[in-house]
Amino acid sequence: MKKLLFGTVLFLILILSVSAAQAGTVYWTDWTASGPGTVTGTMNIGSETVDVTFSGAYSFAQTSGGTNYWNPATPYLSATVENAPPASDIIALSSSGSVTITFSQSVTNPLLALVSWNGNRPRFENEIEFLSYGRGYWGNGTPVMDSDKKGFYGSGEVHGVLQMAGTYDSITFTHTSEGWHGLTVGVVDVAPVPLPAALWLFGSGLAGLVGLRRKLFR
């Protein structure tokens, strides 16, 4: 009976772990308007609409049509990211400086998709992790990570996706000058088993075991 109970509990834990690890759609920002030092857009995350504001100097912003610099999609896909940024929305940086991306409500594990970060040295407030990189619109390159994992050096034309683990109301980073390097921001919709459902499943399993024990030991 103890072995059966242990096996059932282990099985439930494995189910919850696998469910929590499943990646869903990436909701990339739909950039809709631009002005001096500001670009605004939205992320539609399920039933929630999150306003996104980019603040900082930029070279140009495509908010409606233009060249699709996210083609090919390959360097943006990974075990976490199943869809590359859509269409042509992109913000291009050139002059060095500081950039802040603000969200109207907290987001979890935000993603930055990058185009052509060649020889650039960005620095972030927290650790970053590259989920993927490879040959993109402007060629190929490799990100060389800083020792503290808060920045990288672009060796060649870096195209890929980096992730910042945690919950954020805003993202701030600095970068150095080059011709131009582009970005957009998104969020992964991870759909674990909701906690109440998980507790119900666990409780149902225990109740079933108690009933079975009673039948066995009558």
N, C-alpha and C. Protein backbone atom coordinates (compact mmCIF):
# COMPACT_ATOMS: atom_id res chain seq x y z
N MET A 1 0.83 -1.20 0.00
CA MET A 1 0.00 0.00 0.00
C MET A 1 0.86 1.26 0.00
N LYS A 2 1.95 1.24 0.79
CA LYS A 2 2.85 2.39 0.83
C LYS A 2 3.48 2.62 -0.53
N LYS A 3 3.86 1.51 -1.22
CA LYS A 3 4.45 1.64 -2.55
C LYS A 3 3.45 2.25 -3.53
N LEU A 4 2.18 1.82 -3.42
CA LEU A 4 1.14 2.36 -4.30
C LEU A 4 0.95 3.84 -4.05
N LEU A 5 0.92 4.24 -2.77
CA LEU A 5 0.75 5.64 -2.42
C LEU A 5 1.92 6.47 -2.95
N PHE A 6 3.15 5.99 -2.75
CA PHE A 6 4.34 6.70 -3.21
C PHE A 6 4.34 6.84 -4.73
N GLY A 7 3.98 5.76 -5.42
CA GLY A 7 3.96 5.79 -6.88
C GLY A 7 2.94 6.78 -7.41
N THR A 8 1.78 6.82 -6.76
CA THR A 8 0.74 7.75 -7.20
C THR A 8 1.16 9.20 -7.01
N VAL A 9 1.74 9.49 -5.84
CA VAL A 9 2.21 10.85 -5.56
C VAL A 9 3.30 11.25 -6.55
N LEU A 10 4.24 10.35 -6.83
CA LEU A 10 5.31 10.63 -7.78
C LEU A 10 4.73 10.90 -9.16
N PHE A 11 3.73 10.11 -9.56
CA PHE A 11 3.09 10.29 -10.86
C PHE A 11 2.44 11.66 -10.97
N LEU A 12 1.77 12.09 -9.90
CA LEU A 12 1.12 13.40 -9.92
C LEU A 12 2.15 14.51 -10.01
N ILE A 13 3.25 14.37 -9.30
CA ILE A 13 4.31 15.38 -9.35
C ILE A 13 4.89 15.50 -10.75
N LEU A 14 5.09 14.34 -11.40
CA LEU A 14 5.63 14.34 -12.75
C LEU A 14 4.66 15.01 -13.72
N ILE A 15 3.36 14.76 -13.56
CA ILE A 15 2.36 15.39 -14.42
C ILE A 15 2.42 16.90 -14.28
N LEU A 16 2.49 17.39 -13.03
CA LEU A 16 2.53 18.82 -12.80
C LEU A 16 3.80 19.43 -13.35
N SER A 17 4.92 18.74 -13.22
CA SER A 17 6.20 19.25 -13.72
C SER A 17 6.20 19.36 -15.23
N VAL A 18 5.70 18.32 -15.90
CA VAL A 18 5.65 18.35 -17.36
C VAL A 18 4.72 19.45 -17.84
N SER A 19 3.56 19.60 -17.20
CA SER A 19 2.61 20.62 -17.60
C SER A 19 3.20 22.00 -17.46
N ALA A 20 3.96 22.24 -16.36
CA ALA A 20 4.54 23.55 -16.13
C ALA A 20 5.63 23.87 -17.13
N ALA A 21 6.23 22.84 -17.72
CA ALA A 21 7.36 23.07 -18.62
C ALA A 21 6.92 23.27 -20.06
N GLN A 22 5.64 23.06 -20.36
CA GLN A 22 5.19 23.17 -21.73
C GLN A 22 5.17 24.63 -22.16
N ALA A 23 5.73 24.90 -23.35
CA ALA A 23 5.75 26.25 -23.88
C ALA A 23 4.58 26.45 -24.82
N GLY A 24 3.98 27.62 -24.73
CA GLY A 24 2.90 27.94 -25.64
C GLY A 24 3.34 28.99 -26.64
N THR A 25 2.38 29.74 -27.15
CA THR A 25 2.66 30.77 -28.14
C THR A 25 3.46 31.91 -27.53
N VAL A 26 4.33 32.50 -28.34
CA VAL A 26 5.01 33.73 -27.93
C VAL A 26 4.19 34.90 -28.44
N TYR A 27 3.82 35.80 -27.54
CA TYR A 27 3.06 36.99 -27.92
C TYR A 27 4.03 38.14 -28.12
N TRP A 28 4.35 38.41 -29.37
CA TRP A 28 5.28 39.49 -29.71
C TRP A 28 4.52 40.81 -29.76
N THR A 29 5.24 41.89 -29.48
CA THR A 29 4.62 43.22 -29.46
C THR A 29 4.20 43.66 -30.86
N ASP A 30 2.99 44.17 -30.94
CA ASP A 30 2.51 44.84 -32.14
C ASP A 30 2.80 46.33 -31.96
N TRP A 31 3.90 46.80 -32.55
CA TRP A 31 4.26 48.22 -32.44
C TRP A 31 3.32 49.02 -33.32
N THR A 32 2.69 50.05 -32.76
CA THR A 32 1.62 50.75 -33.47
C THR A 32 1.89 52.23 -33.73
N ALA A 33 2.76 52.86 -32.95
CA ALA A 33 3.00 54.30 -33.13
C ALA A 33 4.41 54.65 -32.68
N SER A 34 4.98 55.68 -33.31
CA SER A 34 6.33 56.12 -32.95
C SER A 34 6.39 57.64 -32.94
N GLY A 35 7.26 58.17 -32.11
CA GLY A 35 7.49 59.60 -32.01
C GLY A 35 8.90 59.84 -31.53
N PRO A 36 9.29 61.07 -31.26
CA PRO A 36 10.66 61.36 -30.80
C PRO A 36 10.99 60.61 -29.51
N GLY A 37 11.91 59.66 -29.59
CA GLY A 37 12.36 58.94 -28.40
C GLY A 37 11.37 57.95 -27.82
N THR A 38 10.27 57.67 -28.53
CA THR A 38 9.24 56.78 -27.98
C THR A 38 8.58 55.96 -29.09
N VAL A 39 8.40 54.66 -28.80
CA VAL A 39 7.61 53.79 -29.68
C VAL A 39 6.64 53.04 -28.78
N THR A 40 5.38 52.94 -29.18
CA THR A 40 4.38 52.28 -28.35
C THR A 40 3.71 51.14 -29.12
N GLY A 41 3.21 50.18 -28.35
CA GLY A 41 2.52 49.05 -28.94
C GLY A 41 1.80 48.26 -27.88
N THR A 42 1.32 47.07 -28.26
CA THR A 42 0.59 46.22 -27.33
C THR A 42 0.98 44.76 -27.52
N MET A 43 0.84 44.00 -26.45
CA MET A 43 0.93 42.54 -26.49
C MET A 43 -0.41 42.00 -26.03
N ASN A 44 -1.05 41.20 -26.86
CA ASN A 44 -2.31 40.57 -26.48
C ASN A 44 -2.01 39.17 -25.96
N ILE A 45 -1.97 39.04 -24.64
CA ILE A 45 -1.59 37.80 -23.98
C ILE A 45 -2.87 37.12 -23.49
N GLY A 46 -3.37 36.17 -24.29
CA GLY A 46 -4.64 35.56 -23.94
C GLY A 46 -5.73 36.62 -23.94
N SER A 47 -6.43 36.78 -22.82
CA SER A 47 -7.48 37.79 -22.72
C SER A 47 -6.95 39.13 -22.21
N GLU A 48 -5.67 39.18 -21.90
CA GLU A 48 -5.07 40.41 -21.36
C GLU A 48 -4.38 41.21 -22.46
N THR A 49 -4.52 42.54 -22.42
CA THR A 49 -3.79 43.43 -23.31
C THR A 49 -2.79 44.22 -22.49
N VAL A 50 -1.52 44.06 -22.82
CA VAL A 50 -0.44 44.75 -22.11
C VAL A 50 0.12 45.83 -23.02
N ASP A 51 0.08 47.09 -22.55
CA ASP A 51 0.68 48.19 -23.29
C ASP A 51 2.19 48.16 -23.11
N VAL A 52 2.92 48.39 -24.20
CA VAL A 52 4.37 48.35 -24.17
C VAL A 52 4.90 49.70 -24.68
N THR A 53 5.83 50.29 -23.94
CA THR A 53 6.41 51.58 -24.33
C THR A 53 7.93 51.48 -24.38
N PHE A 54 8.49 51.79 -25.53
CA PHE A 54 9.94 51.86 -25.71
C PHE A 54 10.35 53.32 -25.53
N SER A 55 11.37 53.56 -24.69
CA SER A 55 11.87 54.91 -24.46
C SER A 55 13.38 54.92 -24.68
N GLY A 56 13.85 55.83 -25.53
CA GLY A 56 15.28 55.93 -25.82
C GLY A 56 15.49 56.34 -27.26
N ALA A 57 16.73 56.67 -27.59
CA ALA A 57 17.04 57.06 -28.96
C ALA A 57 16.97 55.84 -29.88
N TYR A 58 16.43 56.03 -31.06
CA TYR A 58 16.39 54.94 -32.04
C TYR A 58 16.57 55.52 -33.44
N SER A 59 17.00 54.66 -34.36
CA SER A 59 17.25 55.07 -35.73
C SER A 59 15.97 55.11 -36.55
N PHE A 60 15.19 54.02 -36.48
CA PHE A 60 13.89 53.99 -37.14
C PHE A 60 13.03 52.92 -36.47
N ALA A 61 11.73 53.02 -36.69
CA ALA A 61 10.78 52.03 -36.16
C ALA A 61 9.78 51.69 -37.25
N GLN A 62 9.58 50.41 -37.50
CA GLN A 62 8.56 49.96 -38.44
C GLN A 62 7.33 49.52 -37.65
N THR A 63 6.24 50.24 -37.82
CA THR A 63 5.01 49.92 -37.09
C THR A 63 3.89 49.48 -38.02
N SER A 64 4.09 49.64 -39.33
CA SER A 64 3.05 49.24 -40.28
C SER A 64 3.69 49.03 -41.65
N GLY A 65 4.07 47.79 -41.91
CA GLY A 65 4.69 47.47 -43.19
C GLY A 65 6.19 47.72 -43.20
N GLY A 66 6.82 47.36 -44.30
CA GLY A 66 8.26 47.50 -44.42
C GLY A 66 8.93 46.15 -44.59
N THR A 67 10.25 46.15 -44.55
CA THR A 67 11.03 44.92 -44.74
C THR A 67 10.86 43.99 -43.54
N ASN A 68 10.69 42.70 -43.81
CA ASN A 68 10.60 41.71 -42.74
C ASN A 68 12.00 41.21 -42.40
N TYR A 69 12.62 41.85 -41.41
CA TYR A 69 13.97 41.47 -41.00
C TYR A 69 14.00 40.21 -40.14
N TRP A 70 12.81 39.66 -39.81
CA TRP A 70 12.72 38.42 -39.03
C TRP A 70 12.71 37.19 -39.93
N ASN A 71 13.01 37.38 -41.18
CA ASN A 71 13.07 36.29 -42.16
C ASN A 71 14.53 36.06 -42.55
N PRO A 72 15.06 34.84 -42.40
CA PRO A 72 14.37 33.59 -42.03
C PRO A 72 14.05 33.52 -40.54
N ALA A 73 13.09 32.66 -40.20
CA ALA A 73 12.63 32.54 -38.82
C ALA A 73 13.53 31.66 -37.97
N THR A 74 14.38 30.86 -38.61
CA THR A 74 15.15 29.82 -37.90
C THR A 74 15.90 30.29 -36.66
N PRO A 75 16.65 31.41 -36.71
CA PRO A 75 17.41 31.77 -35.50
C PRO A 75 16.57 32.20 -34.32
N TYR A 76 15.26 32.32 -34.52
CA TYR A 76 14.38 32.76 -33.43
C TYR A 76 13.57 31.63 -32.82
N LEU A 77 13.72 30.43 -33.34
CA LEU A 77 12.95 29.29 -32.86
C LEU A 77 13.78 28.42 -31.94
N SER A 78 13.12 27.87 -30.90
CA SER A 78 13.82 27.02 -29.93
C SER A 78 12.79 26.17 -29.21
N ALA A 79 13.25 25.43 -28.20
CA ALA A 79 12.33 24.62 -27.40
C ALA A 79 11.33 25.50 -26.65
N THR A 80 11.68 26.77 -26.43
CA THR A 80 10.79 27.70 -25.73
C THR A 80 9.99 28.55 -26.69
N VAL A 81 10.63 28.97 -27.78
CA VAL A 81 10.01 29.89 -28.74
C VAL A 81 9.57 29.11 -29.96
N GLU A 82 8.27 29.02 -30.18
CA GLU A 82 7.77 28.23 -31.31
C GLU A 82 7.34 29.09 -32.49
N ASN A 83 7.36 30.42 -32.34
CA ASN A 83 6.99 31.29 -33.46
C ASN A 83 7.86 32.55 -33.44
N ALA A 84 8.44 32.87 -34.59
CA ALA A 84 9.27 34.05 -34.73
C ALA A 84 8.41 35.31 -34.71
N PRO A 85 9.03 36.48 -34.49
CA PRO A 85 8.26 37.73 -34.57
C PRO A 85 7.56 37.84 -35.92
N PRO A 86 6.33 38.35 -35.92
CA PRO A 86 5.57 38.40 -37.17
C PRO A 86 5.89 39.62 -38.01
N ALA A 87 5.62 39.49 -39.28
CA ALA A 87 5.64 40.62 -40.22
C ALA A 87 6.90 41.46 -40.09
N SER A 88 6.73 42.78 -40.03
CA SER A 88 7.88 43.67 -40.15
C SER A 88 8.12 44.56 -38.94
N ASP A 89 7.35 44.42 -37.88
CA ASP A 89 7.50 45.31 -36.72
C ASP A 89 8.88 45.17 -36.09
N ILE A 90 9.58 46.30 -35.96
CA ILE A 90 10.93 46.27 -35.41
C ILE A 90 11.33 47.68 -34.99
N ILE A 91 12.18 47.77 -33.98
CA ILE A 91 12.79 49.04 -33.58
C ILE A 91 14.29 48.91 -33.82
N ALA A 92 14.87 49.86 -34.55
CA ALA A 92 16.29 49.81 -34.89
C ALA A 92 17.06 50.86 -34.09
N LEU A 93 18.13 50.43 -33.43
CA LEU A 93 18.98 51.31 -32.64
C LEU A 93 20.28 51.56 -33.39
N SER A 94 20.89 52.72 -33.15
CA SER A 94 22.18 52.99 -33.78
C SER A 94 23.13 53.66 -32.79
N SER A 95 22.78 54.86 -32.33
CA SER A 95 23.64 55.57 -31.39
C SER A 95 23.62 54.90 -30.01
N SER A 96 24.76 54.89 -29.35
CA SER A 96 24.85 54.28 -28.02
C SER A 96 23.96 55.04 -27.03
N GLY A 97 23.56 54.35 -25.98
CA GLY A 97 22.74 55.00 -24.98
C GLY A 97 22.00 53.99 -24.12
N SER A 98 20.99 54.47 -23.42
CA SER A 98 20.19 53.64 -22.53
C SER A 98 18.78 53.51 -23.09
N VAL A 99 18.22 52.33 -22.96
CA VAL A 99 16.88 52.02 -23.46
C VAL A 99 16.05 51.45 -22.32
N THR A 100 14.79 51.85 -22.24
CA THR A 100 13.86 51.27 -21.27
C THR A 100 12.60 50.83 -22.00
N ILE A 101 12.17 49.61 -21.72
CA ILE A 101 10.92 49.09 -22.26
C ILE A 101 10.00 48.85 -21.06
N THR A 102 8.87 49.54 -21.04
CA THR A 102 7.95 49.51 -19.90
C THR A 102 6.66 48.79 -20.26
N PHE A 103 6.16 47.99 -19.31
CA PHE A 103 4.92 47.24 -19.50
C PHE A 103 3.84 47.82 -18.58
N SER A 104 2.60 47.84 -19.06
CA SER A 104 1.51 48.40 -18.25
C SER A 104 1.13 47.50 -17.08
N GLN A 105 1.53 46.23 -17.15
CA GLN A 105 1.39 45.33 -16.01
C GLN A 105 2.54 44.34 -16.05
N SER A 106 2.82 43.72 -14.94
CA SER A 106 3.98 42.85 -14.83
C SER A 106 3.91 41.70 -15.82
N VAL A 107 5.07 41.36 -16.39
CA VAL A 107 5.17 40.21 -17.30
C VAL A 107 6.25 39.28 -16.77
N THR A 108 6.16 38.03 -17.15
CA THR A 108 7.09 37.02 -16.66
C THR A 108 7.97 36.50 -17.79
N ASN A 109 9.27 36.40 -17.49
CA ASN A 109 10.26 35.84 -18.43
C ASN A 109 10.19 36.49 -19.82
N PRO A 110 10.31 37.81 -19.90
CA PRO A 110 10.22 38.48 -21.20
C PRO A 110 11.35 38.07 -22.14
N LEU A 111 11.08 38.19 -23.44
CA LEU A 111 12.03 37.83 -24.50
C LEU A 111 12.37 39.05 -25.33
N LEU A 112 13.63 39.12 -25.76
CA LEU A 112 14.03 40.11 -26.76
C LEU A 112 14.51 39.36 -27.99
N ALA A 113 13.91 39.65 -29.13
CA ALA A 113 14.38 39.12 -30.41
C ALA A 113 15.31 40.16 -31.03
N LEU A 114 16.44 39.71 -31.54
CA LEU A 114 17.49 40.61 -32.01
C LEU A 114 17.78 40.40 -33.49
N VAL A 115 18.08 41.50 -34.17
CA VAL A 115 18.51 41.47 -35.57
C VAL A 115 19.84 42.22 -35.69
N SER A 116 20.87 41.55 -36.18
CA SER A 116 22.12 42.20 -36.60
C SER A 116 22.82 42.97 -35.48
N TRP A 117 23.05 42.31 -34.34
CA TRP A 117 23.82 42.94 -33.26
C TRP A 117 25.29 42.61 -33.49
N ASN A 118 25.91 43.40 -34.33
CA ASN A 118 27.28 43.15 -34.80
C ASN A 118 28.28 44.02 -34.05
N GLY A 119 29.15 43.40 -33.25
CA GLY A 119 30.16 44.14 -32.52
C GLY A 119 29.60 44.97 -31.39
N ASN A 120 28.31 44.80 -31.10
CA ASN A 120 27.66 45.60 -30.07
C ASN A 120 27.88 45.02 -28.69
N ARG A 121 27.91 45.89 -27.67
CA ARG A 121 28.09 45.44 -26.28
C ARG A 121 26.94 45.94 -25.41
N PRO A 122 25.80 45.25 -25.40
CA PRO A 122 24.70 45.63 -24.51
C PRO A 122 24.96 45.15 -23.08
N ARG A 123 24.39 45.88 -22.12
CA ARG A 123 24.48 45.51 -20.71
C ARG A 123 23.09 45.65 -20.08
N PHE A 124 22.68 44.59 -19.37
CA PHE A 124 21.37 44.56 -18.75
C PHE A 124 21.50 44.63 -17.23
N GLU A 125 20.38 44.92 -16.55
CA GLU A 125 20.39 45.01 -15.10
C GLU A 125 20.43 43.64 -14.44
N ASN A 126 19.90 42.63 -15.14
CA ASN A 126 19.86 41.27 -14.60
C ASN A 126 20.45 40.29 -15.61
N GLU A 127 20.60 39.05 -15.19
CA GLU A 127 21.19 38.04 -16.06
C GLU A 127 20.29 37.78 -17.27
N ILE A 128 20.93 37.45 -18.37
CA ILE A 128 20.21 37.10 -19.59
C ILE A 128 20.68 35.73 -20.06
N GLU A 129 19.85 35.10 -20.89
CA GLU A 129 20.20 33.79 -21.45
C GLU A 129 19.76 33.75 -22.91
N PHE A 130 20.65 33.34 -23.80
CA PHE A 130 20.27 33.18 -25.20
C PHE A 130 19.57 31.83 -25.36
N LEU A 131 18.35 31.87 -25.87
CA LEU A 131 17.60 30.65 -26.16
C LEU A 131 17.95 30.10 -27.53
N SER A 132 18.35 30.99 -28.45
CA SER A 132 18.69 30.57 -29.81
C SER A 132 19.43 31.69 -30.51
N TYR A 133 20.20 31.33 -31.52
CA TYR A 133 20.82 32.30 -32.42
C TYR A 133 21.30 31.54 -33.65
N GLY A 134 21.54 32.29 -34.74
CA GLY A 134 21.97 31.64 -35.97
C GLY A 134 21.93 32.61 -37.14
N ARG A 135 21.95 32.06 -38.34
CA ARG A 135 21.98 32.88 -39.54
C ARG A 135 20.63 33.55 -39.77
N GLY A 136 20.67 34.88 -39.89
CA GLY A 136 19.46 35.64 -40.10
C GLY A 136 19.52 36.51 -41.33
N TYR A 137 18.77 37.58 -41.33
CA TYR A 137 18.61 38.43 -42.51
C TYR A 137 19.95 39.01 -42.98
N TRP A 138 20.82 39.40 -42.03
CA TRP A 138 22.09 40.04 -42.37
C TRP A 138 23.29 39.12 -42.19
N GLY A 139 23.10 37.83 -42.13
CA GLY A 139 24.24 36.93 -42.00
C GLY A 139 24.24 36.18 -40.68
N ASN A 140 25.44 35.86 -40.20
CA ASN A 140 25.55 34.97 -39.04
C ASN A 140 26.50 35.57 -38.01
N GLY A 141 26.32 35.20 -36.75
CA GLY A 141 27.19 35.66 -35.68
C GLY A 141 26.96 34.88 -34.41
N THR A 142 27.81 35.12 -33.43
CA THR A 142 27.74 34.40 -32.15
C THR A 142 27.80 35.39 -30.99
N PRO A 143 26.89 35.29 -30.03
CA PRO A 143 26.99 36.13 -28.83
C PRO A 143 28.03 35.57 -27.87
N VAL A 144 28.97 36.39 -27.47
CA VAL A 144 29.98 36.00 -26.48
C VAL A 144 29.58 36.60 -25.15
N MET A 145 29.17 35.76 -24.19
CA MET A 145 28.59 36.24 -22.95
C MET A 145 29.63 36.84 -22.02
N ASP A 146 29.25 37.91 -21.30
CA ASP A 146 30.08 38.46 -20.23
C ASP A 146 30.09 37.47 -19.06
N SER A 147 31.10 37.55 -18.23
CA SER A 147 31.26 36.59 -17.14
C SER A 147 30.10 36.63 -16.14
N ASP A 148 29.48 37.80 -15.97
CA ASP A 148 28.36 37.89 -15.02
C ASP A 148 27.01 37.61 -15.67
N LYS A 149 27.01 37.29 -16.95
CA LYS A 149 25.80 36.93 -17.71
C LYS A 149 24.81 38.08 -17.82
N LYS A 150 25.28 39.31 -17.64
CA LYS A 150 24.42 40.49 -17.77
C LYS A 150 24.65 41.24 -19.07
N GLY A 151 25.45 40.70 -19.94
CA GLY A 151 25.72 41.34 -21.21
C GLY A 151 26.42 40.38 -22.14
N PHE A 152 26.68 40.86 -23.36
CA PHE A 152 27.37 40.02 -24.33
C PHE A 152 28.04 40.90 -25.37
N TYR A 153 28.92 40.30 -26.11
CA TYR A 153 29.57 40.96 -27.24
C TYR A 153 29.12 40.25 -28.51
N GLY A 154 28.70 41.02 -29.51
CA GLY A 154 28.25 40.43 -30.76
C GLY A 154 29.40 40.15 -31.69
N SER A 155 29.80 38.88 -31.79
CA SER A 155 30.86 38.48 -32.71
C SER A 155 30.21 38.11 -34.04
N GLY A 156 30.26 39.02 -35.02
CA GLY A 156 29.52 38.82 -36.25
C GLY A 156 28.10 39.32 -36.11
N GLU A 157 27.26 39.00 -37.07
CA GLU A 157 25.88 39.48 -37.09
C GLU A 157 24.99 38.56 -36.24
N VAL A 158 24.76 38.96 -34.99
CA VAL A 158 23.98 38.12 -34.08
C VAL A 158 22.48 38.31 -34.33
N HIS A 159 21.81 37.21 -34.67
CA HIS A 159 20.35 37.16 -34.79
C HIS A 159 19.87 36.07 -33.84
N GLY A 160 18.94 36.38 -32.96
CA GLY A 160 18.47 35.36 -32.03
C GLY A 160 17.52 35.91 -31.00
N VAL A 161 17.27 35.11 -29.96
CA VAL A 161 16.33 35.48 -28.90
C VAL A 161 17.01 35.28 -27.55
N LEU A 162 16.94 36.30 -26.71
CA LEU A 162 17.43 36.16 -25.34
C LEU A 162 16.25 36.32 -24.38
N GLN A 163 16.41 35.72 -23.21
CA GLN A 163 15.36 35.73 -22.20
C GLN A 163 15.88 36.26 -20.89
N MET A 164 15.03 36.98 -20.17
CA MET A 164 15.34 37.46 -18.82
C MET A 164 14.38 36.76 -17.85
N ALA A 165 14.91 35.91 -17.00
CA ALA A 165 14.07 35.16 -16.08
C ALA A 165 13.56 36.07 -14.96
N GLY A 166 12.30 35.88 -14.61
CA GLY A 166 11.73 36.66 -13.51
C GLY A 166 10.52 37.46 -13.97
N THR A 167 10.04 38.30 -13.07
CA THR A 167 8.88 39.14 -13.33
C THR A 167 9.31 40.60 -13.43
N TYR A 168 8.83 41.28 -14.47
CA TYR A 168 9.31 42.64 -14.75
C TYR A 168 8.15 43.58 -15.05
N ASP A 169 8.30 44.83 -14.55
CA ASP A 169 7.45 45.94 -14.98
C ASP A 169 8.14 46.73 -16.09
N SER A 170 9.47 46.61 -16.16
CA SER A 170 10.23 47.28 -17.20
C SER A 170 11.58 46.60 -17.37
N ILE A 171 12.17 46.83 -18.54
CA ILE A 171 13.51 46.32 -18.85
C ILE A 171 14.37 47.52 -19.24
N THR A 172 15.57 47.62 -18.66
CA THR A 172 16.49 48.69 -19.02
C THR A 172 17.83 48.10 -19.39
N PHE A 173 18.42 48.59 -20.47
CA PHE A 173 19.76 48.15 -20.85
C PHE A 173 20.48 49.27 -21.60
N THR A 174 21.80 49.18 -21.63
CA THR A 174 22.61 50.09 -22.42
C THR A 174 23.18 49.34 -23.61
N HIS A 175 23.60 50.10 -24.62
CA HIS A 175 24.18 49.46 -25.80
C HIS A 175 25.15 50.44 -26.45
N THR A 176 26.01 49.92 -27.30
CA THR A 176 27.01 50.75 -27.96
C THR A 176 26.61 50.99 -29.42
N SER A 177 27.31 51.91 -30.06
CA SER A 177 26.94 52.33 -31.42
C SER A 177 27.39 51.35 -32.50
N GLU A 178 26.62 51.31 -33.56
CA GLU A 178 27.00 50.66 -34.81
C GLU A 178 26.02 51.13 -35.88
N GLY A 179 26.11 50.60 -37.09
CA GLY A 179 25.21 51.03 -38.16
C GLY A 179 23.77 51.03 -37.71
N TRP A 180 23.20 49.86 -37.43
CA TRP A 180 21.95 49.72 -36.69
C TRP A 180 21.77 48.26 -36.29
N HIS A 181 21.07 48.07 -35.20
CA HIS A 181 20.72 46.74 -34.72
C HIS A 181 19.28 46.82 -34.21
N GLY A 182 18.49 45.79 -34.54
CA GLY A 182 17.06 45.85 -34.28
C GLY A 182 16.59 44.91 -33.18
N LEU A 183 15.40 45.20 -32.67
CA LEU A 183 14.83 44.36 -31.61
C LEU A 183 13.32 44.45 -31.61
N THR A 184 12.71 43.49 -30.94
CA THR A 184 11.33 43.56 -30.50
C THR A 184 11.22 42.74 -29.23
N VAL A 185 10.09 42.84 -28.55
CA VAL A 185 9.93 42.18 -27.25
C VAL A 185 8.67 41.34 -27.25
N GLY A 186 8.72 40.22 -26.52
CA GLY A 186 7.56 39.34 -26.43
C GLY A 186 7.52 38.60 -25.11
N VAL A 187 6.48 37.83 -24.93
CA VAL A 187 6.28 37.04 -23.71
C VAL A 187 5.82 35.64 -24.10
N VAL A 188 6.32 34.63 -23.42
CA VAL A 188 5.88 33.26 -23.66
C VAL A 188 4.67 32.96 -22.80
N ASP A 189 3.64 32.38 -23.42
CA ASP A 189 2.46 31.96 -22.67
C ASP A 189 2.66 30.53 -22.21
N VAL A 190 3.12 30.36 -20.98
CA VAL A 190 3.28 29.03 -20.42
C VAL A 190 2.01 28.67 -19.68
N ALA A 191 1.48 27.47 -19.95
CA ALA A 191 0.19 27.09 -19.39
C ALA A 191 0.32 25.88 -18.48
N PRO A 192 0.78 26.05 -17.23
CA PRO A 192 0.82 24.93 -16.31
C PRO A 192 -0.58 24.59 -15.80
N VAL A 193 -0.71 23.45 -15.16
CA VAL A 193 -1.99 23.11 -14.52
C VAL A 193 -2.24 24.14 -13.43
N PRO A 194 -3.40 24.84 -13.44
CA PRO A 194 -3.67 25.83 -12.39
C PRO A 194 -3.59 25.19 -11.02
N LEU A 195 -3.15 25.93 -10.04
CA LEU A 195 -2.96 25.39 -8.69
C LEU A 195 -4.24 24.76 -8.13
N PRO A 196 -5.40 25.42 -8.21
CA PRO A 196 -6.61 24.77 -7.69
C PRO A 196 -6.88 23.43 -8.36
N ALA A 197 -6.68 23.36 -9.67
CA ALA A 197 -6.91 22.10 -10.37
C ALA A 197 -5.90 21.05 -9.93
N ALA A 198 -4.66 21.50 -9.72
CA ALA A 198 -3.63 20.57 -9.28
C ALA A 198 -3.96 20.01 -7.90
N LEU A 199 -4.45 20.90 -7.03
CA LEU A 199 -4.80 20.44 -5.69
C LEU A 199 -5.99 19.50 -5.74
N TRP A 200 -6.96 19.79 -6.63
CA TRP A 200 -8.12 18.90 -6.78
C TRP A 200 -7.67 17.54 -7.27
N LEU A 201 -6.75 17.55 -8.27
CA LEU A 201 -6.26 16.28 -8.80
C LEU A 201 -5.54 15.49 -7.72
N PHE A 202 -4.70 16.18 -6.95
CA PHE A 202 -3.96 15.52 -5.90
C PHE A 202 -4.90 14.98 -4.83
N GLY A 203 -5.90 15.82 -4.45
CA GLY A 203 -6.85 15.40 -3.42
C GLY A 203 -7.69 14.22 -3.89
N SER A 204 -8.08 14.22 -5.16
CA SER A 204 -8.87 13.11 -5.70
C SER A 204 -8.07 11.82 -5.67
N GLY A 205 -6.78 11.94 -5.99
CA GLY A 205 -5.93 10.75 -5.98
C GLY A 205 -5.80 10.19 -4.58
N LEU A 206 -5.64 11.06 -3.59
CA LEU A 206 -5.53 10.61 -2.21
C LEU A 206 -6.85 10.00 -1.73
N ALA A 207 -7.96 10.62 -2.12
CA ALA A 207 -9.25 10.09 -1.71
C ALA A 207 -9.46 8.70 -2.30
N GLY A 208 -9.04 8.51 -3.54
CA GLY A 208 -9.16 7.20 -4.16
C GLY A 208 -8.32 6.17 -3.45
N LEU A 209 -7.13 6.57 -3.01
CA LEU A 209 -6.25 5.65 -2.30
C LEU A 209 -6.83 5.28 -0.94
N VAL A 210 -7.44 6.26 -0.27
CA VAL A 210 -8.05 5.98 1.03
C VAL A 210 -9.18 4.97 0.86
N GLY A 211 -10.01 5.19 -0.19
CA GLY A 211 -11.11 4.26 -0.45
C GLY A 211 -10.59 2.87 -0.76
N LEU A 212 -9.53 2.79 -1.55
CA LEU A 212 -8.95 1.50 -1.88
C LEU A 212 -8.40 0.80 -0.65
N ARG A 213 -7.77 1.58 0.22
CA ARG A 213 -7.21 1.01 1.46
C ARG A 213 -8.32 0.42 2.32
N ARG A 214 -9.46 1.14 2.39
CA ARG A 214 -10.57 0.66 3.20
C ARG A 214 -11.09 -0.67 2.66
N LYS A 215 -11.20 -0.77 1.35
CA LYS A 215 -11.70 -2.01 0.74
C LYS A 215 -10.76 -3.17 0.98
N LEU A 216 -9.43 -2.87 0.91
CA LEU A 216 -8.45 -3.93 1.06
C LEU A 216 -8.36 -4.46 2.48
N PHE A 217 -8.61 -3.56 3.43
CA PHE A 217 -8.36 -3.95 4.82
C PHE A 217 -9.65 -4.15 5.63
N ARG A 218 -10.79 -4.30 4.96
CA ARG A 218 -12.02 -4.61 5.68
C ARG A 218 -11.99 -6.04 6.17
